[in-house]
Each structure stands twice: as C-alpha cells, then as structure tokens.
Amino acid sequence: MWLTSVDPATRVPDIVAYRGAVSDLLAEVACRGGVHDPAAAGAVLAERLRDPDFAAVLSATPNGLAGSVRQLAAEVRSFRPSTRSSAADLLALIRTYLFAQIDAMWWGHMPMYLTDGAVLGAAELVDLEPLRRAGRLGFRYRRQADALLTRAARSAERRALPDRTPRTAGLRFCRTRPEAAALLNRLSAAFAEIAPPGTPPLWVTSLVRSVAHQRHLRRLGYSALLPSSHCAGYAMDIEISWFRRFDAHRALQALLLDCQGAGEINVIDEGQAWHVCISPAAAAGLRRAFDAEIGG
C-alpha cells in the first residue's frame, strides 16, 4: 500500500536481500542453540555478518561494518533479560539490532538531538498539541504525566478501566518532524478503512527522543540502541497489542508491512508496539503532504 510517492532514486535495492539474510541468520542462531547462549549466538554472528548481504547495509551505517559487528557482539555478551525490554531473548535482541541498522543506514549520519533542550528548541519540528486541538490529527496519543497528581489519576484510571487506553507512559515530547505527522495521519486513515467497526484510531506511543533520554532508557533496561532514528526525528512507535481487543491488530500489522514492502518505512516488531521509521525515499512526499493537508 503506497501512502505517498516514493522516489526510486533514493531506494536501496539490497534491503530486501538484507531482511532475508537476517531471517536466515536468526533461524541459524536458533538451530545452533543461541537463543539463550551468548557464545553460540556470537559464533554464528562472527561467521555470517561479513556476508555480502549484511555488508551492503552495515557498511553504510555510521559504525561501518566492523564497528557494527563489534557493537552487536558487545550487545550479545552483555545481554540480560528485562521485563522492560522488548528483547525477551538473544534472538529478539539480534533481530532488533540488525533491523535497526536499516534506520541507521538511512538517518544515522544526520545530526541527532543530543539533549531534551535540543528537541524543544528544534525549529524543524512541529508541535502536535495545536494541531490536535485544531482537529488536524487523525491519530491519538497521550502526553507523559509530569505532575504527581496526574500520575495518580492515571493510576486510578488503569485500575478502574484497565483496557480503556494502551498501557504506555505517553509522549515525552509532543513534537515531531512534519513527515512523521503526515505519515501517521495517512496510516490512521488507511487503518480506519480496514479495521473492524468500532476500532479506535491509530495510537502512537513514542516519537522524537534526545540522545540523553535514549541513554536513560537504556540504563533502565529498555532496548534503546544508538544511533537511533528516534533521535533524528524520523521514527515513531505504534501501539499494536491494545488493538487485539478490537480484533484489529492483524489489519494494522498488515498495513505496516505493506508500507514497508512499498519502500516507505522500516518496521521492527517490538511486541506491544511496532517501531516505524520513515525511509528517505518517502520523506519528500510526506513533507509535501504535511504542507498540503495538515500544516496549511
């Protein structure tokens, strides 16, 4: 499903081969007992990651091929399961890391928002709250609760109505790139067409982050990698699990995978939410869509 125009000149032809190579590698890690064994997983990685299909993508990331191999090896060695992490085991960690390198190839060479202040002061980001109040956003989100009273009210709400909204802390920053707002609006409109009647609109759980906050999340045990397309403003996390209660999760997953197949986004299944990154091939068309449909 094509939600925007995709520039063929900016498409990277070996991404499909790369994703296939990742799937094959994960199957080999599982076959050789590497799901919970760092040594077994590391042996497979050492053998496979310099294959041409991997090298084509990893060499184009800021860390380069050798740096990416070293970083993943270190992640595997230091891995500890955490209830906060989307990586339940080594297989999930390796999958998330390798698919995130597509994002890194696309946006990892861009300047990152190093601090929260940099996010708040970035002129290229748009504030979502005025757009939401004006009825220009088709997707939903909630702001992160800063005040103690607000956190207490939300805790009481979860106890009384546990499934009323997704279980998420909310957006730390209600800011994003115009391209992301346009993509989310278009995804929400497409989702509304295919979801069962009564399904709520698309729900976003995370948008832009600072490098400082990404590191904070990592210290807390989350799978927060660097470089991250969240820190460049081109990524978002979309709630999936909550839509099971409306029998709409499969439709949403299929929509995202269709968009990935069309070259518009990169998708990483992180369980409760799916990570979505805009491709450079779709960025210009999405910016034009924002100007025409939302920001005018």
C-alpha atoms as a PDB file:
ATOM      1  CA  MET A   1       0.000   0.000   0.000  1.00  0.00           C
ATOM      2  CA  TRP A   2       1.558   3.275  -1.085  1.00  0.00           C
ATOM      3  CA  LEU A   3       0.597   6.151   1.185  1.00  0.00           C
ATOM      4  CA  THR A   4       2.864   8.655  -0.510  1.00  0.00           C
ATOM      5  CA  SER A   5       5.108   8.972  -3.540  1.00  0.00           C
ATOM      6  CA  VAL A   6       8.398   7.101  -3.272  1.00  0.00           C
ATOM      7  CA  ASP A   7      11.462   8.423  -5.075  1.00  0.00           C
ATOM      8  CA  PRO A   8      13.053   5.466  -6.905  1.00  0.00           C
ATOM      9  CA  ALA A   9      16.412   7.246  -6.998  1.00  0.00           C
ATOM     10  CA  THR A  10      16.717   7.045  -3.206  1.00  0.00           C
ATOM     11  CA  ARG A  11      15.652   3.438  -2.780  1.00  0.00           C
ATOM     12  CA  VAL A  12      18.292   0.938  -1.662  1.00  0.00           C
ATOM     13  CA  PRO A  13      17.853  -2.266  -3.689  1.00  0.00           C
ATOM     14  CA  ASP A  14      19.602  -4.627  -1.257  1.00  0.00           C
ATOM     15  CA  ILE A  15      17.308  -4.027   1.731  1.00  0.00           C
ATOM     16  CA  VAL A  16      15.044  -6.919   0.707  1.00  0.00           C
ATOM     17  CA  ALA A  17      18.077  -9.212   0.479  1.00  0.00           C
ATOM     18  CA  TYR A  18      19.295  -7.889   3.832  1.00  0.00           C
ATOM     19  CA  ARG A  19      15.983  -8.649   5.552  1.00  0.00           C
ATOM     20  CA  GLY A  20      16.065 -12.140   4.084  1.00  0.00           C
ATOM     21  CA  ALA A  21      19.625 -12.632   5.320  1.00  0.00           C
ATOM     22  CA  VAL A  22      18.569 -11.527   8.809  1.00  0.00           C
ATOM     23  CA  SER A  23      15.757 -14.089   8.834  1.00  0.00           C
ATOM     24  CA  ASP A  24      18.162 -16.824   7.735  1.00  0.00           C
ATOM     25  CA  LEU A  25      20.698 -15.816  10.388  1.00  0.00           C
ATOM     26  CA  LEU A  26      18.060 -15.877  13.140  1.00  0.00           C
ATOM     27  CA  ALA A  27      16.999 -19.368  12.088  1.00  0.00           C
ATOM     28  CA  GLU A  28      20.637 -20.496  12.246  1.00  0.00           C
ATOM     29  CA  VAL A  29      21.131 -18.936  15.699  1.00  0.00           C
ATOM     30  CA  ALA A  30      18.060 -20.801  16.958  1.00  0.00           C
ATOM     31  CA  CYS A  31      19.152 -24.076  15.332  1.00  0.00           C
ATOM     32  CA  ARG A  32      22.596 -23.879  16.956  1.00  0.00           C
ATOM     33  CA  GLY A  33      21.236 -23.191  20.439  1.00  0.00           C
ATOM     34  CA  GLY A  34      21.955 -19.491  20.522  1.00  0.00           C
ATOM     35  CA  VAL A  35      18.580 -18.318  21.813  1.00  0.00           C
ATOM     36  CA  HIS A  36      19.908 -18.217  25.389  1.00  0.00           C
ATOM     37  CA  ASP A  37      23.623 -18.943  24.815  1.00  0.00           C
ATOM     38  CA  PRO A  38      25.761 -15.861  24.037  1.00  0.00           C
ATOM     39  CA  ALA A  39      28.737 -17.962  22.928  1.00  0.00           C
ATOM     40  CA  ALA A  40      26.679 -19.943  20.403  1.00  0.00           C
ATOM     41  CA  ALA A  41      24.975 -16.802  19.120  1.00  0.00           C
ATOM     42  CA  GLY A  42      28.305 -14.994  18.868  1.00  0.00           C
ATOM     43  CA  ALA A  43      29.796 -17.812  16.822  1.00  0.00           C
ATOM     44  CA  VAL A  44      27.026 -17.542  14.232  1.00  0.00           C
ATOM     45  CA  LEU A  45      27.383 -13.763  14.068  1.00  0.00           C
ATOM     46  CA  ALA A  46      31.144 -13.994  13.574  1.00  0.00           C
ATOM     47  CA  GLU A  47      30.629 -16.375  10.663  1.00  0.00           C
ATOM     48  CA  ARG A  48      27.758 -14.621   8.919  1.00  0.00           C
ATOM     49  CA  LEU A  49      27.849 -10.848   9.370  1.00  0.00           C
ATOM     50  CA  ARG A  50      30.563 -10.275   6.775  1.00  0.00           C
ATOM     51  CA  ASP A  51      28.469 -11.929   4.062  1.00  0.00           C
ATOM     52  CA  PRO A  52      27.717  -9.530   1.165  1.00  0.00           C
ATOM     53  CA  ASP A  53      24.023  -9.089   2.015  1.00  0.00           C
ATOM     54  CA  PHE A  54      24.916  -7.886   5.523  1.00  0.00           C
ATOM     55  CA  ALA A  55      27.973  -5.909   4.464  1.00  0.00           C
ATOM     56  CA  ALA A  56      25.983  -3.838   1.957  1.00  0.00           C
ATOM     57  CA  VAL A  57      23.844  -2.335   4.737  1.00  0.00           C
ATOM     58  CA  LEU A  58      26.178  -2.411   7.739  1.00  0.00           C
ATOM     59  CA  SER A  59      28.971  -0.713   5.800  1.00  0.00           C
ATOM     60  CA  ALA A  60      26.650   2.226   5.131  1.00  0.00           C
ATOM     61  CA  THR A  61      25.895   2.872   8.826  1.00  0.00           C
ATOM     62  CA  PRO A  62      27.858   5.370  10.960  1.00  0.00           C
ATOM     63  CA  ASN A  63      29.650   2.496  12.733  1.00  0.00           C
ATOM     64  CA  GLY A  64      30.606   0.789   9.465  1.00  0.00           C
ATOM     65  CA  LEU A  65      30.772  -2.960   9.021  1.00  0.00           C
ATOM     66  CA  ALA A  66      33.496  -3.651  11.582  1.00  0.00           C
ATOM     67  CA  GLY A  67      32.004  -1.279  14.142  1.00  0.00           C
ATOM     68  CA  SER A  68      28.529  -2.751  13.745  1.00  0.00           C
ATOM     69  CA  VAL A  69      29.861  -6.283  14.186  1.00  0.00           C
ATOM     70  CA  ARG A  70      31.728  -5.232  17.333  1.00  0.00           C
ATOM     71  CA  GLN A  71      28.710  -3.394  18.727  1.00  0.00           C
ATOM     72  CA  LEU A  72      26.360  -6.326  18.207  1.00  0.00           C
ATOM     73  CA  ALA A  73      28.889  -8.739  19.709  1.00  0.00           C
ATOM     74  CA  ALA A  74      29.096  -6.495  22.785  1.00  0.00           C
ATOM     75  CA  GLU A  75      25.291  -6.310  22.999  1.00  0.00           C
ATOM     76  CA  VAL A  76      25.093 -10.110  22.909  1.00  0.00           C
ATOM     77  CA  ARG A  77      27.761 -10.546  25.580  1.00  0.00           C
ATOM     78  CA  SER A  78      26.164  -8.026  27.943  1.00  0.00           C
ATOM     79  CA  PHE A  79      22.546  -9.046  27.333  1.00  0.00           C
ATOM     80  CA  ARG A  80      20.409  -9.510  30.428  1.00  0.00           C
ATOM     81  CA  PRO A  81      16.670 -10.244  30.124  1.00  0.00           C
ATOM     82  CA  SER A  82      14.481  -7.430  31.412  1.00  0.00           C
ATOM     83  CA  THR A  83      10.717  -7.065  31.682  1.00  0.00           C
ATOM     84  CA  ARG A  84      11.153  -3.529  30.352  1.00  0.00           C
ATOM     85  CA  SER A  85      12.972  -4.617  27.217  1.00  0.00           C
ATOM     86  CA  SER A  86      11.256  -5.649  24.007  1.00  0.00           C
ATOM     87  CA  ALA A  87      14.040  -8.228  23.596  1.00  0.00           C
ATOM     88  CA  ALA A  88      12.951 -11.282  25.585  1.00  0.00           C
ATOM     89  CA  ASP A  89      15.973 -13.336  24.500  1.00  0.00           C
ATOM     90  CA  LEU A  90      19.109 -13.141  22.384  1.00  0.00           C
ATOM     91  CA  LEU A  91      17.201 -13.923  19.212  1.00  0.00           C
ATOM     92  CA  ALA A  92      14.968 -10.890  19.733  1.00  0.00           C
ATOM     93  CA  LEU A  93      17.978  -8.717  20.585  1.00  0.00           C
ATOM     94  CA  ILE A  94      19.828  -9.699  17.402  1.00  0.00           C
ATOM     95  CA  ARG A  95      16.706  -9.215  15.260  1.00  0.00           C
ATOM     96  CA  THR A  96      16.027  -5.768  16.710  1.00  0.00           C
ATOM     97  CA  TYR A  97      19.646  -4.672  16.344  1.00  0.00           C
ATOM     98  CA  LEU A  98      20.018  -5.825  12.756  1.00  0.00           C
ATOM     99  CA  PHE A  99      16.719  -4.366  11.551  1.00  0.00           C
ATOM    100  CA  ALA A 100      17.573  -1.099  13.338  1.00  0.00           C
ATOM    101  CA  GLN A 101      20.658  -0.852  11.129  1.00  0.00           C
ATOM    102  CA  ILE A 102      18.360  -0.070   8.195  1.00  0.00           C
ATOM    103  CA  ASP A 103      17.311   3.050  10.117  1.00  0.00           C
ATOM    104  CA  ALA A 104      20.971   3.781  10.872  1.00  0.00           C
ATOM    105  CA  MET A 105      21.888   3.492   7.205  1.00  0.00           C
ATOM    106  CA  TRP A 106      19.098   5.943   6.318  1.00  0.00           C
ATOM    107  CA  TRP A 107      19.406   8.560   9.054  1.00  0.00           C
ATOM    108  CA  GLY A 108      22.374   7.698  11.273  1.00  0.00           C
ATOM    109  CA  HIS A 109      24.649  10.238   9.579  1.00  0.00           C
ATOM    110  CA  MET A 110      22.273  13.099  10.382  1.00  0.00           C
ATOM    111  CA  PRO A 111      22.784  15.303  13.448  1.00  0.00           C
ATOM    112  CA  MET A 112      20.990  13.832  16.455  1.00  0.00           C
ATOM    113  CA  TYR A 113      19.101  15.762  19.131  1.00  0.00           C
ATOM    114  CA  LEU A 114      21.631  15.399  21.937  1.00  0.00           C
ATOM    115  CA  THR A 115      19.579  16.885  24.778  1.00  0.00           C
ATOM    116  CA  ASP A 116      15.951  17.439  25.706  1.00  0.00           C
ATOM    117  CA  GLY A 117      16.561  21.137  25.202  1.00  0.00           C
ATOM    118  CA  ALA A 118      17.668  20.480  21.627  1.00  0.00           C
ATOM    119  CA  VAL A 119      14.372  18.694  20.945  1.00  0.00           C
ATOM    120  CA  LEU A 120      12.342  21.516  22.443  1.00  0.00           C
ATOM    121  CA  GLY A 121      14.266  24.166  20.517  1.00  0.00           C
ATOM    122  CA  ALA A 122      14.435  22.482  17.112  1.00  0.00           C
ATOM    123  CA  ALA A 123      12.812  24.746  14.518  1.00  0.00           C
ATOM    124  CA  GLU A 124      12.283  21.870  12.065  1.00  0.00           C
ATOM    125  CA  LEU A 125       9.997  20.005  14.486  1.00  0.00           C
ATOM    126  CA  VAL A 126       6.286  20.787  14.768  1.00  0.00           C
ATOM    127  CA  ASP A 127       4.204  20.934  17.943  1.00  0.00           C
ATOM    128  CA  LEU A 128       1.380  18.415  17.901  1.00  0.00           C
ATOM    129  CA  GLU A 129      -0.837  19.932  20.588  1.00  0.00           C
ATOM    130  CA  PRO A 130      -2.060  22.915  18.498  1.00  0.00           C
ATOM    131  CA  LEU A 131      -2.693  20.569  15.574  1.00  0.00           C
ATOM    132  CA  ARG A 132      -4.638  18.175  17.787  1.00  0.00           C
ATOM    133  CA  ARG A 133      -6.760  20.989  19.215  1.00  0.00           C
ATOM    134  CA  ALA A 134      -7.457  22.177  15.657  1.00  0.00           C
ATOM    135  CA  GLY A 135      -8.664  18.682  14.675  1.00  0.00           C
ATOM    136  CA  ARG A 136      -5.883  18.165  12.133  1.00  0.00           C
ATOM    137  CA  LEU A 137      -4.511  14.912  13.543  1.00  0.00           C
ATOM    138  CA  GLY A 138      -6.173  11.596  12.791  1.00  0.00           C
ATOM    139  CA  PHE A 139      -4.120   9.605  15.314  1.00  0.00           C
ATOM    140  CA  ARG A 140      -4.139   9.549  19.102  1.00  0.00           C
ATOM    141  CA  TYR A 141      -1.511   9.838  21.802  1.00  0.00           C
ATOM    142  CA  ARG A 142      -1.253  10.923  25.403  1.00  0.00           C
ATOM    143  CA  ARG A 143       1.296  13.206  26.963  1.00  0.00           C
ATOM    144  CA  GLN A 144       3.655  11.842  29.578  1.00  0.00           C
ATOM    145  CA  ALA A 145       2.452  12.702  33.064  1.00  0.00           C
ATOM    146  CA  ASP A 146       4.882  15.029  34.818  1.00  0.00           C
ATOM    147  CA  ALA A 147       2.847  16.076  37.856  1.00  0.00           C
ATOM    148  CA  LEU A 148       2.301  13.696  40.777  1.00  0.00           C
ATOM    149  CA  LEU A 149      -1.442  14.363  40.723  1.00  0.00           C
ATOM    150  CA  THR A 150      -1.692  13.452  37.047  1.00  0.00           C
ATOM    151  CA  ARG A 151       0.231  10.219  37.586  1.00  0.00           C
ATOM    152  CA  ALA A 152      -2.032   9.298  40.473  1.00  0.00           C
ATOM    153  CA  ALA A 153      -5.142   9.977  38.374  1.00  0.00           C
ATOM    154  CA  ARG A 154      -3.860   7.781  35.570  1.00  0.00           C
ATOM    155  CA  SER A 155      -3.014   5.012  38.017  1.00  0.00           C
ATOM    156  CA  ALA A 156      -6.566   5.133  39.351  1.00  0.00           C
ATOM    157  CA  GLU A 157      -7.920   5.099  35.804  1.00  0.00           C
ATOM    158  CA  ARG A 158      -5.886   1.977  34.939  1.00  0.00           C
ATOM    159  CA  ARG A 159      -7.249   0.177  37.985  1.00  0.00           C
ATOM    160  CA  ALA A 160     -10.866   1.113  37.251  1.00  0.00           C
ATOM    161  CA  LEU A 161     -10.720   0.791  33.441  1.00  0.00           C
ATOM    162  CA  PRO A 162      -7.602  -1.248  32.660  1.00  0.00           C
ATOM    163  CA  ASP A 163      -8.220  -1.541  28.895  1.00  0.00           C
ATOM    164  CA  ARG A 164      -9.596   1.907  28.176  1.00  0.00           C
ATOM    165  CA  THR A 165      -6.288   3.090  26.721  1.00  0.00           C
ATOM    166  CA  PRO A 166      -2.961   1.420  25.883  1.00  0.00           C
ATOM    167  CA  ARG A 167      -0.550   0.822  28.760  1.00  0.00           C
ATOM    168  CA  THR A 168       2.031   3.432  27.920  1.00  0.00           C
ATOM    169  CA  ALA A 169       3.725   6.280  29.751  1.00  0.00           C
ATOM    170  CA  GLY A 170       2.897   8.656  26.898  1.00  0.00           C
ATOM    171  CA  LEU A 171       4.939  11.017  24.765  1.00  0.00           C
ATOM    172  CA  ARG A 172       7.835  12.754  26.475  1.00  0.00           C
ATOM    173  CA  PHE A 173       7.787  15.358  23.708  1.00  0.00           C
ATOM    174  CA  CYS A 174       4.648  16.212  21.732  1.00  0.00           C
ATOM    175  CA  ARG A 175       6.866  17.262  18.841  1.00  0.00           C
ATOM    176  CA  THR A 176       7.898  15.529  15.645  1.00  0.00           C
ATOM    177  CA  ARG A 177       9.027  16.114  12.112  1.00  0.00           C
ATOM    178  CA  PRO A 178       6.270  17.149   9.684  1.00  0.00           C
ATOM    179  CA  GLU A 179       6.982  13.980   7.675  1.00  0.00           C
ATOM    180  CA  ALA A 180       6.116  11.805  10.689  1.00  0.00           C
ATOM    181  CA  ALA A 181       2.864  13.657  11.361  1.00  0.00           C
ATOM    182  CA  ALA A 182       1.839  13.239   7.719  1.00  0.00           C
ATOM    183  CA  LEU A 183       2.687   9.527   7.725  1.00  0.00           C
ATOM    184  CA  LEU A 184       0.727   8.924  10.934  1.00  0.00           C
ATOM    185  CA  ASN A 185      -2.302  10.757   9.556  1.00  0.00           C
ATOM    186  CA  ARG A 186      -2.231   8.675   6.401  1.00  0.00           C
ATOM    187  CA  LEU A 187      -1.686   5.427   8.284  1.00  0.00           C
ATOM    188  CA  SER A 188      -4.594   6.260  10.574  1.00  0.00           C
ATOM    189  CA  ALA A 189      -6.887   6.963   7.616  1.00  0.00           C
ATOM    190  CA  ALA A 190      -5.876   3.702   5.918  1.00  0.00           C
ATOM    191  CA  PHE A 191      -6.285   1.768   9.185  1.00  0.00           C
ATOM    192  CA  ALA A 192      -9.801   3.155   9.660  1.00  0.00           C
ATOM    193  CA  GLU A 193     -10.765   1.752   6.254  1.00  0.00           C
ATOM    194  CA  ILE A 194      -9.673  -1.823   7.009  1.00  0.00           C
ATOM    195  CA  ALA A 195     -10.203  -2.192  10.773  1.00  0.00           C
ATOM    196  CA  PRO A 196     -13.401  -3.724  12.204  1.00  0.00           C
ATOM    197  CA  PRO A 197     -16.199  -1.267  13.001  1.00  0.00           C
ATOM    198  CA  GLY A 198     -15.770   0.449  16.342  1.00  0.00           C
ATOM    199  CA  THR A 199     -11.959   0.266  16.309  1.00  0.00           C
ATOM    200  CA  PRO A 200     -10.363   3.404  17.790  1.00  0.00           C
ATOM    201  CA  PRO A 201      -7.894   5.429  15.728  1.00  0.00           C
ATOM    202  CA  LEU A 202      -4.197   4.655  15.482  1.00  0.00           C
ATOM    203  CA  TRP A 203      -2.326   5.205  18.764  1.00  0.00           C
ATOM    204  CA  VAL A 204       1.261   6.484  18.929  1.00  0.00           C
ATOM    205  CA  THR A 205       3.372   5.666  21.988  1.00  0.00           C
ATOM    206  CA  SER A 206       6.699   7.362  21.147  1.00  0.00           C
ATOM    207  CA  LEU A 207       8.088   9.933  18.736  1.00  0.00           C
ATOM    208  CA  VAL A 208      11.255  12.035  18.874  1.00  0.00           C
ATOM    209  CA  ARG A 209      13.751  11.409  21.698  1.00  0.00           C
ATOM    210  CA  SER A 210      17.002  13.018  22.706  1.00  0.00           C
ATOM    211  CA  VAL A 211      20.215  11.019  22.837  1.00  0.00           C
ATOM    212  CA  ALA A 212      20.322  11.755  26.566  1.00  0.00           C
ATOM    213  CA  HIS A 213      16.864  10.246  27.051  1.00  0.00           C
ATOM    214  CA  GLN A 214      17.754   7.266  24.860  1.00  0.00           C
ATOM    215  CA  ARG A 215      20.703   6.578  27.135  1.00  0.00           C
ATOM    216  CA  HIS A 216      18.438   6.959  30.172  1.00  0.00           C
ATOM    217  CA  LEU A 217      16.044   4.363  28.749  1.00  0.00           C
ATOM    218  CA  ARG A 218      18.983   2.037  28.149  1.00  0.00           C
ATOM    219  CA  ARG A 219      20.092   2.354  31.779  1.00  0.00           C
ATOM    220  CA  LEU A 220      16.559   1.417  32.834  1.00  0.00           C
ATOM    221  CA  GLY A 221      16.782  -1.815  30.829  1.00  0.00           C
ATOM    222  CA  TYR A 222      14.979  -0.893  27.610  1.00  0.00           C
ATOM    223  CA  SER A 223      16.260  -1.904  24.172  1.00  0.00           C
ATOM    224  CA  ALA A 224      17.403   1.610  23.336  1.00  0.00           C
ATOM    225  CA  LEU A 225      20.092   1.494  20.658  1.00  0.00           C
ATOM    226  CA  LEU A 226      22.292   4.277  19.311  1.00  0.00           C
ATOM    227  CA  PRO A 227      22.317   5.718  16.762  1.00  0.00           C
ATOM    228  CA  SER A 228      18.518   5.834  16.812  1.00  0.00           C
ATOM    229  CA  SER A 229      16.172   7.241  14.205  1.00  0.00           C
ATOM    230  CA  HIS A 230      14.045   8.480  17.131  1.00  0.00           C
ATOM    231  CA  CYS A 231      16.900  10.874  17.924  1.00  0.00           C
ATOM    232  CA  ALA A 232      16.838  12.192  14.354  1.00  0.00           C
ATOM    233  CA  GLY A 233      13.054  12.654  14.443  1.00  0.00           C
ATOM    234  CA  TYR A 234      12.160  10.130  11.751  1.00  0.00           C
ATOM    235  CA  ALA A 235      10.856   7.281  13.932  1.00  0.00           C
ATOM    236  CA  MET A 236       7.709   6.513  15.877  1.00  0.00           C
ATOM    237  CA  ASP A 237       6.314   3.618  17.892  1.00  0.00           C
ATOM    238  CA  ILE A 238       2.765   2.493  17.110  1.00  0.00           C
ATOM    239  CA  GLU A 239       0.650   0.521  19.586  1.00  0.00           C
ATOM    240  CA  ILE A 240      -0.275  -2.975  18.407  1.00  0.00           C
ATOM    241  CA  SER A 241      -1.245  -5.168  21.373  1.00  0.00           C
ATOM    242  CA  TRP A 242      -4.102  -2.976  22.592  1.00  0.00           C
ATOM    243  CA  PHE A 243      -5.866  -3.378  19.256  1.00  0.00           C
ATOM    244  CA  ARG A 244      -6.220  -7.117  19.883  1.00  0.00           C
ATOM    245  CA  ARG A 245      -9.302  -6.372  21.972  1.00  0.00           C
ATOM    246  CA  PHE A 246     -10.897  -4.947  18.809  1.00  0.00           C
ATOM    247  CA  ASP A 247      -9.564  -7.796  16.627  1.00  0.00           C
ATOM    248  CA  ALA A 248      -7.798  -5.099  14.619  1.00  0.00           C
ATOM    249  CA  HIS A 249      -4.123  -5.875  15.325  1.00  0.00           C
ATOM    250  CA  ARG A 250      -3.642  -8.121  12.291  1.00  0.00           C
ATOM    251  CA  ALA A 251      -5.051  -5.465   9.971  1.00  0.00           C
ATOM    252  CA  LEU A 252      -2.680  -2.881  11.424  1.00  0.00           C
ATOM    253  CA  GLN A 253       0.302  -5.212  11.154  1.00  0.00           C
ATOM    254  CA  ALA A 254      -0.556  -5.988   7.534  1.00  0.00           C
ATOM    255  CA  LEU A 255      -0.867  -2.280   6.753  1.00  0.00           C
ATOM    256  CA  LEU A 256       2.575  -1.540   8.179  1.00  0.00           C
ATOM    257  CA  LEU A 257       4.163  -4.468   6.365  1.00  0.00           C
ATOM    258  CA  ASP A 258       2.562  -3.376   3.098  1.00  0.00           C
ATOM    259  CA  CYS A 259       4.054   0.085   3.548  1.00  0.00           C
ATOM    260  CA  GLN A 260       7.423  -1.481   4.272  1.00  0.00           C
ATOM    261  CA  GLY A 261       7.162  -3.560   1.113  1.00  0.00           C
ATOM    262  CA  ALA A 262       6.423  -0.387  -0.842  1.00  0.00           C
ATOM    263  CA  GLY A 263       9.672   1.174   0.382  1.00  0.00           C
ATOM    264  CA  GLU A 264       8.030   3.819   2.579  1.00  0.00           C
ATOM    265  CA  ILE A 265       9.119   2.654   6.021  1.00  0.00           C
ATOM    266  CA  ASN A 266      11.214   0.227   8.021  1.00  0.00           C
ATOM    267  CA  VAL A 267       9.308  -1.788  10.619  1.00  0.00           C
ATOM    268  CA  ILE A 268      10.539  -3.597  13.731  1.00  0.00           C
ATOM    269  CA  ASP A 269       8.148  -5.802  15.694  1.00  0.00           C
ATOM    270  CA  GLU A 270       8.822  -4.906  19.331  1.00  0.00           C
ATOM    271  CA  GLY A 271       5.862  -6.727  20.827  1.00  0.00           C
ATOM    272  CA  GLN A 272       3.389  -4.300  22.374  1.00  0.00           C
ATOM    273  CA  ALA A 273       4.349  -1.604  19.888  1.00  0.00           C
ATOM    274  CA  TRP A 274       5.979  -1.665  16.457  1.00  0.00           C
ATOM    275  CA  HIS A 275       8.834   0.672  15.673  1.00  0.00           C
ATOM    276  CA  VAL A 276       8.371   2.522  12.383  1.00  0.00           C
ATOM    277  CA  CYS A 277      11.000   4.608  10.583  1.00  0.00           C
ATOM    278  CA  ILE A 278      10.364   6.762   7.509  1.00  0.00           C
ATOM    279  CA  SER A 279      12.529   5.946   4.502  1.00  0.00           C
ATOM    280  CA  PRO A 280      14.435   8.697   2.670  1.00  0.00           C
ATOM    281  CA  ALA A 281      12.542   7.638  -0.454  1.00  0.00           C
ATOM    282  CA  ALA A 282       9.236   8.674   1.137  1.00  0.00           C
ATOM    283  CA  ALA A 283      10.377  11.712   3.120  1.00  0.00           C
ATOM    284  CA  ALA A 284       9.980  14.394   0.459  1.00  0.00           C
ATOM    285  CA  GLY A 285       6.469  13.272  -0.486  1.00  0.00           C
ATOM    286  CA  LEU A 286       5.439  13.186   3.173  1.00  0.00           C
ATOM    287  CA  ARG A 287       6.741  16.709   3.718  1.00  0.00           C
ATOM    288  CA  ARG A 288       4.657  17.929   0.797  1.00  0.00           C
ATOM    289  CA  ALA A 289       1.657  16.070   2.235  1.00  0.00           C
ATOM    290  CA  PHE A 290       2.100  17.794   5.585  1.00  0.00           C
ATOM    291  CA  ASP A 291       2.203  21.221   3.973  1.00  0.00           C
ATOM    292  CA  ALA A 292      -0.882  20.476   1.889  1.00  0.00           C
ATOM    293  CA  GLU A 293      -3.005  18.509   4.367  1.00  0.00           C
ATOM    294  CA  ILE A 294      -2.014  19.485   7.910  1.00  0.00           C
ATOM    295  CA  GLY A 295       0.222  22.499   8.246  1.00  0.00           C
ATOM    296  CA  GLY A 296      -1.525  24.935   5.918  1.00  0.00           C
END
